[in-house]
Structure formats: structure tokens, C-alpha cells
C-alpha atoms as a PDB file:
ATOM      1  CA  MET A   1      17.105 -19.991 -23.549  1.00  0.00           C
ATOM      2  CA  LYS A   2      14.583 -18.921 -26.618  1.00  0.00           C
ATOM      3  CA  PRO A   3      16.515 -19.312 -29.346  1.00  0.00           C
ATOM      4  CA  LYS A   4      17.013 -15.023 -30.760  1.00  0.00           C
ATOM      5  CA  ARG A   5      15.104 -14.803 -34.273  1.00  0.00           C
ATOM      6  CA  THR A   6      16.290 -13.531 -37.410  1.00  0.00           C
ATOM      7  CA  ILE A   7      13.498 -10.507 -38.744  1.00  0.00           C
ATOM      8  CA  ASN A   8      14.249 -10.310 -42.923  1.00  0.00           C
ATOM      9  CA  TYR A   9      14.224  -7.150 -44.900  1.00  0.00           C
ATOM     10  CA  ARG A  10      14.077  -6.130 -48.229  1.00  0.00           C
ATOM     11  CA  PRO A  11      14.274  -3.252 -50.514  1.00  0.00           C
ATOM     12  CA  LYS A  12      11.497  -1.956 -51.701  1.00  0.00           C
ATOM     13  CA  ASN A  13      11.183   1.127 -54.119  1.00  0.00           C
ATOM     14  CA  LYS A  14       8.616   3.532 -53.583  1.00  0.00           C
ATOM     15  CA  LYS A  15       6.786   6.800 -55.353  1.00  0.00           C
ATOM     16  CA  ILE A  16       6.584   9.973 -53.368  1.00  0.00           C
ATOM     17  CA  PHE A  17       5.784  12.924 -54.055  1.00  0.00           C
ATOM     18  CA  GLY A  18       6.887  11.903 -57.560  1.00  0.00           C
ATOM     19  CA  GLN A  19      10.434  11.027 -56.562  1.00  0.00           C
ATOM     20  CA  GLU A  20      11.381   7.502 -56.788  1.00  0.00           C
ATOM     21  CA  LYS A  21      12.456   6.798 -53.026  1.00  0.00           C
ATOM     22  CA  TRP A  22      13.953   3.045 -51.639  1.00  0.00           C
ATOM     23  CA  VAL A  23      13.147   1.464 -48.130  1.00  0.00           C
ATOM     24  CA  ALA A  24      13.950  -1.293 -45.900  1.00  0.00           C
ATOM     25  CA  THR A  25      10.397  -3.409 -45.919  1.00  0.00           C
ATOM     26  CA  MET A  26      10.093  -6.183 -43.647  1.00  0.00           C
ATOM     27  CA  VAL A  27       9.296  -9.455 -44.919  1.00  0.00           C
ATOM     28  CA  THR A  28       6.662 -11.674 -43.879  1.00  0.00           C
ATOM     29  CA  LYS A  29       6.054 -15.258 -43.439  1.00  0.00           C
ATOM     30  CA  LYS A  30       2.631 -16.826 -43.629  1.00  0.00           C
ATOM     31  CA  GLN A  31      -0.340 -16.130 -41.181  1.00  0.00           C
ATOM     32  CA  ILE A  32      -0.557 -18.989 -39.004  1.00  0.00           C
ATOM     33  CA  SER A  33      -4.062 -20.341 -38.894  1.00  0.00           C
ATOM     34  CA  PHE A  34      -5.951 -21.018 -35.347  1.00  0.00           C
ATOM     35  CA  ASP A  35      -5.755 -24.487 -36.390  1.00  0.00           C
ATOM     36  CA  THR A  36      -2.623 -24.437 -36.294  1.00  0.00           C
ATOM     37  CA  VAL A  37      -2.378 -22.648 -33.122  1.00  0.00           C
ATOM     38  CA  CYS A  38      -4.660 -25.357 -31.540  1.00  0.00           C
ATOM     39  CA  ASN A  39      -2.425 -27.992 -33.135  1.00  0.00           C
ATOM     40  CA  ASP A  40       1.030 -26.681 -31.664  1.00  0.00           C
ATOM     41  CA  VAL A  41      -0.592 -25.790 -28.109  1.00  0.00           C
ATOM     42  CA  ALA A  42      -1.524 -29.452 -28.082  1.00  0.00           C
ATOM     43  CA  LYS A  43       1.387 -31.178 -28.799  1.00  0.00           C
ATOM     44  CA  PHE A  44       3.746 -29.399 -26.195  1.00  0.00           C
ATOM     45  CA  SER A  45       0.811 -29.809 -24.083  1.00  0.00           C
ATOM     46  CA  SER A  46      -0.988 -32.573 -22.062  1.00  0.00           C
ATOM     47  CA  ALA A  47      -4.392 -31.666 -23.602  1.00  0.00           C
ATOM     48  CA  GLU A  48      -6.147 -33.426 -27.372  1.00  0.00           C
ATOM     49  CA  VAL A  49      -6.599 -30.624 -29.743  1.00  0.00           C
ATOM     50  CA  GLY A  50     -10.542 -30.023 -29.265  1.00  0.00           C
ATOM     51  CA  GLU A  51      -9.888 -29.089 -26.561  1.00  0.00           C
ATOM     52  CA  VAL A  52      -6.830 -26.793 -26.319  1.00  0.00           C
ATOM     53  CA  ARG A  53      -9.371 -25.122 -29.128  1.00  0.00           C
ATOM     54  CA  ALA A  54     -12.101 -25.470 -27.132  1.00  0.00           C
ATOM     55  CA  LEU A  55     -10.396 -23.652 -24.071  1.00  0.00           C
ATOM     56  CA  MET A  56      -8.622 -21.047 -26.358  1.00  0.00           C
ATOM     57  CA  LEU A  57     -11.753 -20.517 -28.219  1.00  0.00           C
ATOM     58  CA  ALA A  58     -13.436 -19.797 -24.644  1.00  0.00           C
ATOM     59  CA  TYR A  59     -10.143 -17.700 -23.574  1.00  0.00           C
ATOM     60  CA  LEU A  60     -10.389 -15.420 -26.830  1.00  0.00           C
ATOM     61  CA  ASP A  61     -14.177 -14.799 -25.850  1.00  0.00           C
ATOM     62  CA  ARG A  62     -13.343 -13.367 -22.121  1.00  0.00           C
ATOM     63  CA  ILE A  63     -10.923 -11.296 -23.707  1.00  0.00           C
ATOM     64  CA  ARG A  64     -13.006  -9.949 -26.542  1.00  0.00           C
ATOM     65  CA  THR A  65     -15.775  -9.455 -23.466  1.00  0.00           C
ATOM     66  CA  HIS A  66     -14.033  -7.856 -20.682  1.00  0.00           C
ATOM     67  CA  VAL A  67     -12.661  -5.104 -24.202  1.00  0.00           C
ATOM     68  CA  LEU A  68     -15.760  -4.310 -25.150  1.00  0.00           C
ATOM     69  CA  GLU A  69     -16.467  -3.901 -21.665  1.00  0.00           C
ATOM     70  CA  GLY A  70     -14.031  -1.031 -21.506  1.00  0.00           C
ATOM     71  CA  GLU A  71     -11.250  -2.744 -19.809  1.00  0.00           C
ATOM     72  CA  GLY A  72      -7.510  -3.555 -21.005  1.00  0.00           C
ATOM     73  CA  VAL A  73      -6.303  -7.560 -20.942  1.00  0.00           C
ATOM     74  CA  ASN A  74      -3.418  -8.530 -20.393  1.00  0.00           C
ATOM     75  CA  VAL A  75      -2.426 -12.100 -22.038  1.00  0.00           C
ATOM     76  CA  GLU A  76       1.187 -12.667 -19.757  1.00  0.00           C
ATOM     77  CA  GLY A  77       3.765 -12.968 -21.525  1.00  0.00           C
ATOM     78  CA  LEU A  78       2.414 -11.549 -24.932  1.00  0.00           C
ATOM     79  CA  GLY A  79       0.529  -7.903 -23.754  1.00  0.00           C
ATOM     80  CA  THR A  80      -2.599  -5.911 -22.903  1.00  0.00           C
ATOM     81  CA  PHE A  81      -5.100  -5.291 -25.028  1.00  0.00           C
ATOM     82  CA  TYR A  82      -7.669  -2.131 -24.732  1.00  0.00           C
ATOM     83  CA  PRO A  83     -10.279  -0.707 -26.666  1.00  0.00           C
ATOM     84  CA  ARG A  84      -8.809   3.029 -27.481  1.00  0.00           C
ATOM     85  CA  LEU A  85     -10.287   6.142 -29.287  1.00  0.00           C
ATOM     86  CA  THR A  86      -8.623   7.815 -31.972  1.00  0.00           C
ATOM     87  CA  THR A  87      -9.867  11.607 -31.929  1.00  0.00           C
ATOM     88  CA  LYS A  88      -9.164  14.969 -32.717  1.00  0.00           C
ATOM     89  CA  MET A  89      -8.039  17.914 -30.935  1.00  0.00           C
ATOM     90  CA  VAL A  90     -10.568  21.135 -30.762  1.00  0.00           C
ATOM     91  CA  GLU A  91      -9.890  24.482 -28.990  1.00  0.00           C
ATOM     92  CA  ASP A  92     -12.888  24.839 -26.674  1.00  0.00           C
ATOM     93  CA  PRO A  93     -13.484  21.615 -24.185  1.00  0.00           C
ATOM     94  CA  LYS A  94     -17.610  22.567 -25.017  1.00  0.00           C
ATOM     95  CA  ASP A  95     -16.913  21.792 -28.237  1.00  0.00           C
ATOM     96  CA  ILE A  96     -16.609  17.990 -27.666  1.00  0.00           C
ATOM     97  CA  SER A  97     -18.957  15.627 -28.848  1.00  0.00           C
ATOM     98  CA  ILE A  98     -18.424  12.113 -30.279  1.00  0.00           C
ATOM     99  CA  ALA A  99     -19.512  13.618 -33.559  1.00  0.00           C
ATOM    100  CA  ASN A 100     -17.072  16.627 -33.198  1.00  0.00           C
ATOM    101  CA  CYS A 101     -14.472  14.588 -31.792  1.00  0.00           C
ATOM    102  CA  VAL A 102     -14.457  10.665 -31.987  1.00  0.00           C
ATOM    103  CA  LYS A 103     -12.609   9.292 -35.360  1.00  0.00           C
ATOM    104  CA  ASN A 104     -12.735   6.022 -34.324  1.00  0.00           C
ATOM    105  CA  VAL A 105     -12.954   3.514 -31.988  1.00  0.00           C
ATOM    106  CA  VAL A 106     -10.343   0.984 -32.332  1.00  0.00           C
ATOM    107  CA  ILE A 107      -7.720  -2.166 -30.575  1.00  0.00           C
ATOM    108  CA  GLY A 108      -5.156  -0.990 -28.902  1.00  0.00           C
ATOM    109  CA  PHE A 109      -2.055  -2.972 -28.033  1.00  0.00           C
ATOM    110  CA  ARG A 110       1.114  -2.199 -25.696  1.00  0.00           C
ATOM    111  CA  PRO A 111       3.557  -5.435 -26.087  1.00  0.00           C
ATOM    112  CA  ASN A 112       4.712  -7.262 -22.487  1.00  0.00           C
ATOM    113  CA  SER A 113       8.163  -5.005 -21.843  1.00  0.00           C
ATOM    114  CA  LYS A 114      10.185  -8.794 -22.424  1.00  0.00           C
ATOM    115  CA  PHE A 115       8.350  -9.440 -25.407  1.00  0.00           C
ATOM    116  CA  LEU A 116       8.671  -6.281 -26.801  1.00  0.00           C
ATOM    117  CA  GLU A 117      12.923  -6.589 -26.440  1.00  0.00           C
ATOM    118  CA  GLU A 118      13.138 -10.019 -27.863  1.00  0.00           C
ATOM    119  CA  VAL A 119      11.270  -8.605 -31.105  1.00  0.00           C
ATOM    120  CA  LYS A 120      14.155  -5.238 -31.095  1.00  0.00           C
ATOM    121  CA  SER A 121      16.503  -7.386 -29.886  1.00  0.00           C
ATOM    122  CA  ALA A 122      16.534  -9.717 -33.158  1.00  0.00           C
ATOM    123  CA  ASP A 123      18.859 -10.126 -36.084  1.00  0.00           C
ATOM    124  CA  ILE A 124      17.664  -8.360 -39.033  1.00  0.00           C
ATOM    125  CA  ALA A 125      19.242  -9.668 -42.290  1.00  0.00           C
ATOM    126  CA  LEU A 126      18.723  -8.895 -45.734  1.00  0.00           C
ATOM    127  CA  TYR A 127      15.653 -11.402 -46.979  1.00  0.00           C
ATOM    128  CA  LYS A 128      17.968 -13.843 -49.919  1.00  0.00           C
ATOM    129  CA  GLY A 129      15.175 -13.736 -52.006  1.00  0.00           C
ATOM    130  CA  ALA A 130      15.475  -9.999 -52.057  1.00  0.00           C
ATOM    131  CA  THR A 131      17.115  -8.875 -55.309  1.00  0.00           C
ATOM    132  CA  ASP A 132      13.795  -9.715 -56.929  1.00  0.00           C
ATOM    133  CA  ASN A 133      13.025  -5.860 -57.083  1.00  0.00           C
ATOM    134  CA  TYR A 134      16.527  -3.911 -57.241  1.00  0.00           C
ATOM    135  CA  GLU A 135      19.962  -4.572 -58.995  1.00  0.00           C
ATOM    136  CA  GLU A 136      23.033  -5.011 -56.991  1.00  0.00           C
ATOM    137  CA  GLU A 137      26.140  -3.091 -57.742  1.00  0.00           C
END
């Protein structure tokens, strides 16, 4: 069984329409490099780092290719990547055109239900270094 994770937050000051407000914002850790992930995978398998790197690059290339061809790609245990349009509505179907309705083409991601549940069930805690931008009472 995987250990339960903790997501940290800290208060952040924001000005909205001239009013000062506070919001809880997630504390994100450093971004992990592709090479670090390849090294991690190699440690937990019998493959060499170079083999893992080559396989992962080929895997990512195939995901990219399928999404560009309009297909959704399910990465087991993670979720599905798919192409998605952001559009605006019009009154009459005759007014639908790329120039008139399509704002952008983006990559959508729908997390696997088990993975999403793991994220939702994570503990949430105040980040220990959070007092740097607000006064505790």
C-alpha cells in the first residue's frame, strides 16, 4: 500500500478589485527532470538508464503522435491525454466556423479515478515556512 501524501499550502495575499484578500495557495516543490525520472525507473527495474530513457522517449513520441491524430491515449494508472478545443458559443449553427468559434486547441487530461482519489485523499497541512507573508496572531 502506498503511503498517504501530504499537500502543503500557505496563505497568499491578493488584491482583487482593489480589495485585499487572502487565499490558500498550494506549495509546489521543485520540478523533476526527465533524466531524474529515467534514473528512478532504472533503480526499480533491471533496465539500464539509457534503455529506460530510449523507451520513455519512444513512448512519449507515440503518445504525442496519437494525440495529434485526434485520439485519446490512456496511460494506465495515470489518466488519459486527449486533444480538446476551447470554443465560444454562437446563436445559429450556420455561424459555426473555425474563425468564429474555435478559440484554441489544447491538450486535455482526465486523471484515472484511482489516481484522482489518491490526490483527493491526501492530507492537507499548513506549510511550515508559511509565516513569511502573513502575521500570526
